[in-house]
Amino acid sequence: MTACGVPAAVAAALLLSPLPSVRSAQSVPLLATGDYLAVSFMESLQASRSFQEAARPAAAPVRVSVRAAGHDRLLSAGGLSGEECGALTLRRDGSIDPGGSPAAEARSAQLLSTALCAGSPALFRHVGDAGHWIAFTLIGGDYTDGRGRRYAFRSRGQALFAGRRRAYAVALDRPFPSLLLDGVAHPYRMAEGGLEIFEPSEAGLPSEGTPPLMKLRRMVVQPRRQAPPKTGRPGG
């Protein structure tokens, strides 16, 4: 018998029994706000370099938008053209509102798992702005034209054309590759080693052999050579 009147065997059993699992708000990662893309879509886009191929109709959404509501997070899932198929609130403690909503879990501040609008959970990774990430993945980098002028497509929808600033994006609502330059749609083709941009058109890619408006060759950045280590004079 213990001093409190509890049998010793009972007290020992209470000490040895596992405590119930309690997940505090501090142990739940707080999701960054912005767009998240399905990891499967991201991998397909990076491998194929074709938005039309990676975005083929699928049963599950490819984008989840996350907005802040205090310490809670509002999740809405849908396609890349803005359509929404479902939404829920992920509370700071990891619970979901309304009750009975599909599963959702913050794996880290940049990684989300959810079954929203789908039959099973899928992973989504934070990209900030989906349109900017897609455009940079497909086209981003440094190029040069036949006259040696330089072109650069940067990560936030900004480009430099021979020193002139341009805004660029990839159209996400067309069945053919379309590059928006300052809002004007140009069909484009990723040629071997470069990029071909054609005259503005809504009709699709021109036939093979049509001369492009601009033919750019991707620049290959050579790694800097390291200087050989300095050696002291013999006997120095």
C-alpha atoms as a PDB file:
ATOM      1  CA  MET A   1       0.000   0.000   0.000  1.00  0.00           C
ATOM      2  CA  THR A   2       1.362   3.477  -0.951  1.00  0.00           C
ATOM      3  CA  ALA A   3       1.167   6.553   1.281  1.00  0.00           C
ATOM      4  CA  CYS A   4      -1.902   7.705  -0.654  1.00  0.00           C
ATOM      5  CA  GLY A   5      -3.757   4.490   0.009  1.00  0.00           C
ATOM      6  CA  VAL A   6      -3.347   3.112  -3.533  1.00  0.00           C
ATOM      7  CA  PRO A   7      -2.276  -0.542  -3.699  1.00  0.00           C
ATOM      8  CA  ALA A   8       1.353  -0.803  -4.809  1.00  0.00           C
ATOM      9  CA  ALA A   9       0.481  -3.124  -7.722  1.00  0.00           C
ATOM     10  CA  VAL A  10      -2.094  -0.643  -9.071  1.00  0.00           C
ATOM     11  CA  ALA A  11       0.329   2.289  -8.744  1.00  0.00           C
ATOM     12  CA  ALA A  12       3.005   0.356 -10.634  1.00  0.00           C
ATOM     13  CA  ALA A  13       0.569  -0.505 -13.418  1.00  0.00           C
ATOM     14  CA  LEU A  14      -0.411   3.157 -13.807  1.00  0.00           C
ATOM     15  CA  LEU A  15       3.206   4.223 -14.050  1.00  0.00           C
ATOM     16  CA  LEU A  16       4.001   1.605 -16.694  1.00  0.00           C
ATOM     17  CA  SER A  17       0.882   2.104 -18.849  1.00  0.00           C
ATOM     18  CA  PRO A  18       1.446   4.293 -21.957  1.00  0.00           C
ATOM     19  CA  LEU A  19       0.003   7.791 -21.913  1.00  0.00           C
ATOM     20  CA  PRO A  20      -2.581   8.618 -24.565  1.00  0.00           C
ATOM     21  CA  SER A  21      -1.105  10.157 -27.727  1.00  0.00           C
ATOM     22  CA  VAL A  22      -1.675  13.904 -27.617  1.00  0.00           C
ATOM     23  CA  ARG A  23      -0.609  16.073 -30.565  1.00  0.00           C
ATOM     24  CA  SER A  24      -0.041  19.664 -29.572  1.00  0.00           C
ATOM     25  CA  ALA A  25      -0.438  22.568 -31.964  1.00  0.00           C
ATOM     26  CA  GLN A  26       3.313  23.173 -31.738  1.00  0.00           C
ATOM     27  CA  SER A  27       4.012  19.677 -33.086  1.00  0.00           C
ATOM     28  CA  VAL A  28       1.912  20.224 -36.232  1.00  0.00           C
ATOM     29  CA  PRO A  29       3.805  21.938 -39.091  1.00  0.00           C
ATOM     30  CA  LEU A  30       2.257  25.243 -40.171  1.00  0.00           C
ATOM     31  CA  LEU A  31       1.732  25.138 -43.932  1.00  0.00           C
ATOM     32  CA  ALA A  32       3.164  27.940 -46.051  1.00  0.00           C
ATOM     33  CA  THR A  33       0.489  29.822 -47.968  1.00  0.00           C
ATOM     34  CA  GLY A  34       0.247  29.778 -51.754  1.00  0.00           C
ATOM     35  CA  ASP A  35      -0.100  27.093 -54.412  1.00  0.00           C
ATOM     36  CA  TYR A  36       0.790  23.427 -53.980  1.00  0.00           C
ATOM     37  CA  LEU A  37       1.130  21.074 -56.945  1.00  0.00           C
ATOM     38  CA  ALA A  38       0.699  17.318 -56.985  1.00  0.00           C
ATOM     39  CA  VAL A  39       4.136  15.733 -56.762  1.00  0.00           C
ATOM     40  CA  SER A  40       3.171  13.258 -59.508  1.00  0.00           C
ATOM     41  CA  PHE A  41       2.303  16.170 -61.848  1.00  0.00           C
ATOM     42  CA  MET A  42       5.559  17.973 -61.022  1.00  0.00           C
ATOM     43  CA  GLU A  43       7.630  14.890 -61.775  1.00  0.00           C
ATOM     44  CA  SER A  44       5.772  14.291 -65.052  1.00  0.00           C
ATOM     45  CA  LEU A  45       6.255  17.905 -66.165  1.00  0.00           C
ATOM     46  CA  GLN A  46       9.963  17.864 -65.346  1.00  0.00           C
ATOM     47  CA  ALA A  47      10.440  14.599 -67.249  1.00  0.00           C
ATOM     48  CA  SER A  48       8.320  15.366 -70.344  1.00  0.00           C
ATOM     49  CA  ARG A  49       8.828  19.154 -70.591  1.00  0.00           C
ATOM     50  CA  SER A  50       5.269  19.194 -71.955  1.00  0.00           C
ATOM     51  CA  PHE A  51       2.413  20.811 -70.064  1.00  0.00           C
ATOM     52  CA  GLN A  52      -0.178  19.169 -72.323  1.00  0.00           C
ATOM     53  CA  GLU A  53       1.226  15.717 -71.564  1.00  0.00           C
ATOM     54  CA  ALA A  54       1.624  16.248 -67.822  1.00  0.00           C
ATOM     55  CA  ALA A  55      -1.850  17.803 -67.445  1.00  0.00           C
ATOM     56  CA  ARG A  56      -3.803  15.061 -69.180  1.00  0.00           C
ATOM     57  CA  PRO A  57      -7.255  14.653 -67.593  1.00  0.00           C
ATOM     58  CA  ALA A  58      -6.964  12.829 -64.290  1.00  0.00           C
ATOM     59  CA  ALA A  59      -9.380  11.792 -61.583  1.00  0.00           C
ATOM     60  CA  ALA A  60      -7.447  13.690 -58.893  1.00  0.00           C
ATOM     61  CA  PRO A  61      -6.752  17.441 -58.678  1.00  0.00           C
ATOM     62  CA  VAL A  62      -3.267  18.746 -59.477  1.00  0.00           C
ATOM     63  CA  ARG A  63      -3.400  21.954 -57.441  1.00  0.00           C
ATOM     64  CA  VAL A  64      -4.238  22.855 -53.850  1.00  0.00           C
ATOM     65  CA  SER A  65      -4.377  26.500 -52.812  1.00  0.00           C
ATOM     66  CA  VAL A  66      -3.611  27.283 -49.158  1.00  0.00           C
ATOM     67  CA  ARG A  67      -4.733  30.532 -47.504  1.00  0.00           C
ATOM     68  CA  ALA A  68      -4.257  31.723 -43.937  1.00  0.00           C
ATOM     69  CA  ALA A  69      -7.118  32.186 -41.487  1.00  0.00           C
ATOM     70  CA  GLY A  70      -5.249  33.139 -38.339  1.00  0.00           C
ATOM     71  CA  HIS A  71      -3.252  30.033 -37.425  1.00  0.00           C
ATOM     72  CA  ASP A  72      -5.630  27.789 -39.384  1.00  0.00           C
ATOM     73  CA  ARG A  73      -5.240  27.013 -43.079  1.00  0.00           C
ATOM     74  CA  LEU A  74      -8.002  27.071 -45.716  1.00  0.00           C
ATOM     75  CA  LEU A  75      -7.405  24.444 -48.423  1.00  0.00           C
ATOM     76  CA  SER A  76      -9.117  24.455 -51.807  1.00  0.00           C
ATOM     77  CA  ALA A  77      -8.383  21.875 -54.484  1.00  0.00           C
ATOM     78  CA  GLY A  78      -8.945  22.006 -58.214  1.00  0.00           C
ATOM     79  CA  GLY A  79      -7.393  22.375 -61.631  1.00  0.00           C
ATOM     80  CA  LEU A  80      -4.831  24.809 -62.973  1.00  0.00           C
ATOM     81  CA  SER A  81      -7.340  27.124 -64.637  1.00  0.00           C
ATOM     82  CA  GLY A  82      -8.915  28.200 -61.348  1.00  0.00           C
ATOM     83  CA  GLU A  83     -11.800  25.735 -61.091  1.00  0.00           C
ATOM     84  CA  GLU A  84     -12.422  24.376 -57.577  1.00  0.00           C
ATOM     85  CA  CYS A  85     -13.706  20.918 -56.666  1.00  0.00           C
ATOM     86  CA  GLY A  86     -13.653  21.057 -52.862  1.00  0.00           C
ATOM     87  CA  ALA A  87     -12.408  22.862 -49.769  1.00  0.00           C
ATOM     88  CA  LEU A  88     -11.747  22.323 -46.070  1.00  0.00           C
ATOM     89  CA  THR A  89     -10.091  23.964 -43.075  1.00  0.00           C
ATOM     90  CA  LEU A  90      -6.991  22.443 -41.502  1.00  0.00           C
ATOM     91  CA  ARG A  91      -6.915  23.570 -37.872  1.00  0.00           C
ATOM     92  CA  ARG A  92      -3.678  24.486 -36.127  1.00  0.00           C
ATOM     93  CA  ASP A  93      -3.858  21.302 -34.033  1.00  0.00           C
ATOM     94  CA  GLY A  94      -4.181  19.111 -37.152  1.00  0.00           C
ATOM     95  CA  SER A  95      -7.940  18.573 -36.918  1.00  0.00           C
ATOM     96  CA  ILE A  96     -10.198  19.132 -39.937  1.00  0.00           C
ATOM     97  CA  ASP A  97     -13.334  21.215 -40.312  1.00  0.00           C
ATOM     98  CA  PRO A  98     -16.025  20.436 -41.225  1.00  0.00           C
ATOM     99  CA  GLY A  99     -16.080  17.002 -39.637  1.00  0.00           C
ATOM    100  CA  GLY A 100     -16.213  14.154 -42.119  1.00  0.00           C
ATOM    101  CA  SER A 101     -14.076  16.009 -44.680  1.00  0.00           C
ATOM    102  CA  PRO A 102     -11.428  14.054 -46.629  1.00  0.00           C
ATOM    103  CA  ALA A 103      -8.114  13.494 -44.894  1.00  0.00           C
ATOM    104  CA  ALA A 104      -5.506  16.273 -44.893  1.00  0.00           C
ATOM    105  CA  GLU A 105      -2.164  16.417 -43.113  1.00  0.00           C
ATOM    106  CA  ALA A 106       0.747  18.836 -43.087  1.00  0.00           C
ATOM    107  CA  ARG A 107       3.860  16.677 -43.507  1.00  0.00           C
ATOM    108  CA  SER A 108       6.055  19.769 -43.284  1.00  0.00           C
ATOM    109  CA  ALA A 109       5.685  23.488 -43.899  1.00  0.00           C
ATOM    110  CA  GLN A 110       6.139  22.779 -47.639  1.00  0.00           C
ATOM    111  CA  LEU A 111       4.524  19.345 -48.055  1.00  0.00           C
ATOM    112  CA  LEU A 112       0.854  18.448 -47.793  1.00  0.00           C
ATOM    113  CA  SER A 113      -0.992  15.134 -48.009  1.00  0.00           C
ATOM    114  CA  THR A 114      -4.715  15.217 -48.728  1.00  0.00           C
ATOM    115  CA  ALA A 115      -7.524  13.152 -50.245  1.00  0.00           C
ATOM    116  CA  LEU A 116      -9.558  16.258 -51.092  1.00  0.00           C
ATOM    117  CA  CYS A 117     -11.521  15.582 -54.318  1.00  0.00           C
ATOM    118  CA  ALA A 118      -9.829  12.178 -54.614  1.00  0.00           C
ATOM    119  CA  GLY A 119     -10.332   8.637 -53.425  1.00  0.00           C
ATOM    120  CA  SER A 120      -6.947   8.337 -51.739  1.00  0.00           C
ATOM    121  CA  PRO A 121      -4.368  10.768 -50.302  1.00  0.00           C
ATOM    122  CA  ALA A 122      -1.816  12.347 -52.625  1.00  0.00           C
ATOM    123  CA  LEU A 123       1.255  14.462 -51.924  1.00  0.00           C
ATOM    124  CA  PHE A 124       1.376  18.145 -52.857  1.00  0.00           C
ATOM    125  CA  ARG A 125       4.480  20.348 -52.708  1.00  0.00           C
ATOM    126  CA  HIS A 126       4.543  24.117 -52.171  1.00  0.00           C
ATOM    127  CA  VAL A 127       5.554  26.100 -55.268  1.00  0.00           C
ATOM    128  CA  GLY A 128       4.329  29.590 -54.356  1.00  0.00           C
ATOM    129  CA  ASP A 129       2.697  30.508 -57.672  1.00  0.00           C
ATOM    130  CA  ALA A 130       1.716  27.528 -59.846  1.00  0.00           C
ATOM    131  CA  GLY A 131       1.803  29.466 -63.126  1.00  0.00           C
ATOM    132  CA  HIS A 132       5.277  30.862 -62.479  1.00  0.00           C
ATOM    133  CA  TRP A 133       6.641  27.461 -61.445  1.00  0.00           C
ATOM    134  CA  ILE A 134       5.240  25.726 -64.541  1.00  0.00           C
ATOM    135  CA  ALA A 135       6.510  28.401 -66.938  1.00  0.00           C
ATOM    136  CA  PHE A 136      10.002  28.403 -65.443  1.00  0.00           C
ATOM    137  CA  THR A 137      10.177  24.597 -65.405  1.00  0.00           C
ATOM    138  CA  LEU A 138       9.293  24.468 -69.113  1.00  0.00           C
ATOM    139  CA  ILE A 139      11.196  27.466 -70.468  1.00  0.00           C
ATOM    140  CA  GLY A 140      13.345  29.005 -67.733  1.00  0.00           C
ATOM    141  CA  GLY A 141      17.012  29.629 -68.385  1.00  0.00           C
ATOM    142  CA  ASP A 142      19.416  31.697 -70.489  1.00  0.00           C
ATOM    143  CA  TYR A 143      19.415  31.774 -74.295  1.00  0.00           C
ATOM    144  CA  THR A 144      21.109  33.556 -77.162  1.00  0.00           C
ATOM    145  CA  ASP A 145      19.964  34.320 -80.711  1.00  0.00           C
ATOM    146  CA  GLY A 146      21.842  34.179 -84.012  1.00  0.00           C
ATOM    147  CA  ARG A 147      23.185  37.690 -83.473  1.00  0.00           C
ATOM    148  CA  GLY A 148      24.614  36.903 -80.071  1.00  0.00           C
ATOM    149  CA  ARG A 149      21.970  38.797 -78.114  1.00  0.00           C
ATOM    150  CA  ARG A 150      21.021  37.312 -74.759  1.00  0.00           C
ATOM    151  CA  TYR A 151      17.604  36.299 -73.457  1.00  0.00           C
ATOM    152  CA  ALA A 152      16.774  35.202 -69.926  1.00  0.00           C
ATOM    153  CA  PHE A 153      13.579  33.650 -68.571  1.00  0.00           C
ATOM    154  CA  ARG A 154      13.515  34.055 -64.784  1.00  0.00           C
ATOM    155  CA  SER A 155      11.560  32.280 -62.075  1.00  0.00           C
ATOM    156  CA  ARG A 156       8.773  34.794 -61.342  1.00  0.00           C
ATOM    157  CA  GLY A 157       7.347  35.428 -64.782  1.00  0.00           C
ATOM    158  CA  GLN A 158       9.966  38.013 -65.719  1.00  0.00           C
ATOM    159  CA  ALA A 159      12.199  37.839 -68.785  1.00  0.00           C
ATOM    160  CA  LEU A 160      14.939  39.913 -70.399  1.00  0.00           C
ATOM    161  CA  PHE A 161      14.949  40.134 -74.198  1.00  0.00           C
ATOM    162  CA  ALA A 162      18.261  41.696 -75.267  1.00  0.00           C
ATOM    163  CA  GLY A 163      18.094  43.969 -72.221  1.00  0.00           C
ATOM    164  CA  ARG A 164      14.360  44.705 -72.505  1.00  0.00           C
ATOM    165  CA  ARG A 165      12.098  43.533 -69.679  1.00  0.00           C
ATOM    166  CA  ARG A 166       9.158  41.322 -70.662  1.00  0.00           C
ATOM    167  CA  ALA A 167       6.492  39.442 -68.726  1.00  0.00           C
ATOM    168  CA  TYR A 168       6.030  35.824 -69.716  1.00  0.00           C
ATOM    169  CA  ALA A 169       3.773  32.895 -68.852  1.00  0.00           C
ATOM    170  CA  VAL A 170       2.686  29.595 -70.341  1.00  0.00           C
ATOM    171  CA  ALA A 171      -0.991  29.407 -71.258  1.00  0.00           C
ATOM    172  CA  LEU A 172      -2.676  26.709 -69.165  1.00  0.00           C
ATOM    173  CA  ASP A 173      -5.966  26.624 -71.088  1.00  0.00           C
ATOM    174  CA  ARG A 174      -4.824  25.724 -74.603  1.00  0.00           C
ATOM    175  CA  PRO A 175      -4.334  22.298 -76.203  1.00  0.00           C
ATOM    176  CA  PHE A 176      -0.999  23.360 -77.745  1.00  0.00           C
ATOM    177  CA  PRO A 177       2.156  25.005 -76.334  1.00  0.00           C
ATOM    178  CA  SER A 178       1.458  28.736 -76.093  1.00  0.00           C
ATOM    179  CA  LEU A 179       3.827  31.326 -74.634  1.00  0.00           C
ATOM    180  CA  LEU A 180       2.338  34.607 -73.416  1.00  0.00           C
ATOM    181  CA  LEU A 181       4.736  37.528 -73.897  1.00  0.00           C
ATOM    182  CA  ASP A 182       3.322  40.674 -72.315  1.00  0.00           C
ATOM    183  CA  GLY A 183      -0.084  39.019 -72.641  1.00  0.00           C
ATOM    184  CA  VAL A 184       0.228  38.153 -76.366  1.00  0.00           C
ATOM    185  CA  ALA A 185      -0.045  34.432 -77.201  1.00  0.00           C
ATOM    186  CA  HIS A 186       2.767  32.941 -79.287  1.00  0.00           C
ATOM    187  CA  PRO A 187       2.849  29.251 -80.201  1.00  0.00           C
ATOM    188  CA  TYR A 188       6.234  27.851 -79.260  1.00  0.00           C
ATOM    189  CA  ARG A 189       8.247  24.698 -79.663  1.00  0.00           C
ATOM    190  CA  MET A 190      11.088  23.401 -77.525  1.00  0.00           C
ATOM    191  CA  ALA A 191      13.537  22.495 -80.282  1.00  0.00           C
ATOM    192  CA  GLU A 192      16.659  20.475 -79.701  1.00  0.00           C
ATOM    193  CA  GLY A 193      18.982  22.678 -77.720  1.00  0.00           C
ATOM    194  CA  GLY A 194      16.709  25.697 -77.747  1.00  0.00           C
ATOM    195  CA  LEU A 195      13.361  27.454 -78.121  1.00  0.00           C
ATOM    196  CA  GLU A 196      11.390  28.475 -81.207  1.00  0.00           C
ATOM    197  CA  ILE A 197       8.792  31.243 -80.800  1.00  0.00           C
ATOM    198  CA  PHE A 198       6.309  31.801 -83.631  1.00  0.00           C
ATOM    199  CA  GLU A 199       4.115  34.692 -84.753  1.00  0.00           C
ATOM    200  CA  PRO A 200       1.089  35.361 -82.507  1.00  0.00           C
ATOM    201  CA  SER A 201      -1.704  32.889 -83.220  1.00  0.00           C
ATOM    202  CA  GLU A 202      -4.656  31.184 -81.551  1.00  0.00           C
ATOM    203  CA  ALA A 203      -4.800  28.452 -84.206  1.00  0.00           C
ATOM    204  CA  GLY A 204      -2.115  26.156 -82.821  1.00  0.00           C
ATOM    205  CA  LEU A 205       1.432  25.254 -83.730  1.00  0.00           C
ATOM    206  CA  PRO A 206       2.422  26.023 -87.332  1.00  0.00           C
ATOM    207  CA  SER A 207       3.422  23.205 -89.642  1.00  0.00           C
ATOM    208  CA  GLU A 208       6.946  21.847 -89.704  1.00  0.00           C
ATOM    209  CA  GLY A 209       9.291  24.049 -91.700  1.00  0.00           C
ATOM    210  CA  THR A 210       7.534  27.311 -90.816  1.00  0.00           C
ATOM    211  CA  PRO A 211      10.262  29.805 -89.881  1.00  0.00           C
ATOM    212  CA  PRO A 212       9.944  31.004 -86.288  1.00  0.00           C
ATOM    213  CA  LEU A 213       9.730  34.613 -85.216  1.00  0.00           C
ATOM    214  CA  MET A 214      12.636  33.943 -82.852  1.00  0.00           C
ATOM    215  CA  LYS A 215      14.998  31.011 -82.696  1.00  0.00           C
ATOM    216  CA  LEU A 216      16.905  30.888 -79.436  1.00  0.00           C
ATOM    217  CA  ARG A 217      19.660  28.520 -78.393  1.00  0.00           C
ATOM    218  CA  ARG A 218      19.969  27.581 -74.748  1.00  0.00           C
ATOM    219  CA  MET A 219      23.213  28.697 -73.196  1.00  0.00           C
ATOM    220  CA  VAL A 220      25.230  26.088 -71.370  1.00  0.00           C
ATOM    221  CA  VAL A 221      26.892  27.554 -68.326  1.00  0.00           C
ATOM    222  CA  GLN A 222      30.362  26.123 -68.001  1.00  0.00           C
ATOM    223  CA  PRO A 223      31.549  25.491 -64.457  1.00  0.00           C
ATOM    224  CA  ARG A 224      34.326  27.786 -63.379  1.00  0.00           C
ATOM    225  CA  ARG A 225      37.746  26.310 -63.434  1.00  0.00           C
ATOM    226  CA  GLN A 226      39.387  26.235 -60.084  1.00  0.00           C
ATOM    227  CA  ALA A 227      42.859  27.721 -59.938  1.00  0.00           C
ATOM    228  CA  PRO A 228      45.492  25.174 -59.029  1.00  0.00           C
ATOM    229  CA  PRO A 229      46.510  25.439 -55.400  1.00  0.00           C
ATOM    230  CA  LYS A 230      49.515  27.615 -54.808  1.00  0.00           C
ATOM    231  CA  THR A 231      52.580  25.705 -53.786  1.00  0.00           C
ATOM    232  CA  GLY A 232      55.350  27.178 -51.773  1.00  0.00           C
ATOM    233  CA  ARG A 233      58.894  27.273 -52.985  1.00  0.00           C
ATOM    234  CA  PRO A 234      60.880  24.206 -52.167  1.00  0.00           C
ATOM    235  CA  GLY A 235      62.341  24.661 -48.786  1.00  0.00           C
ATOM    236  CA  GLY A 236      60.239  27.832 -48.248  1.00  0.00           C
END
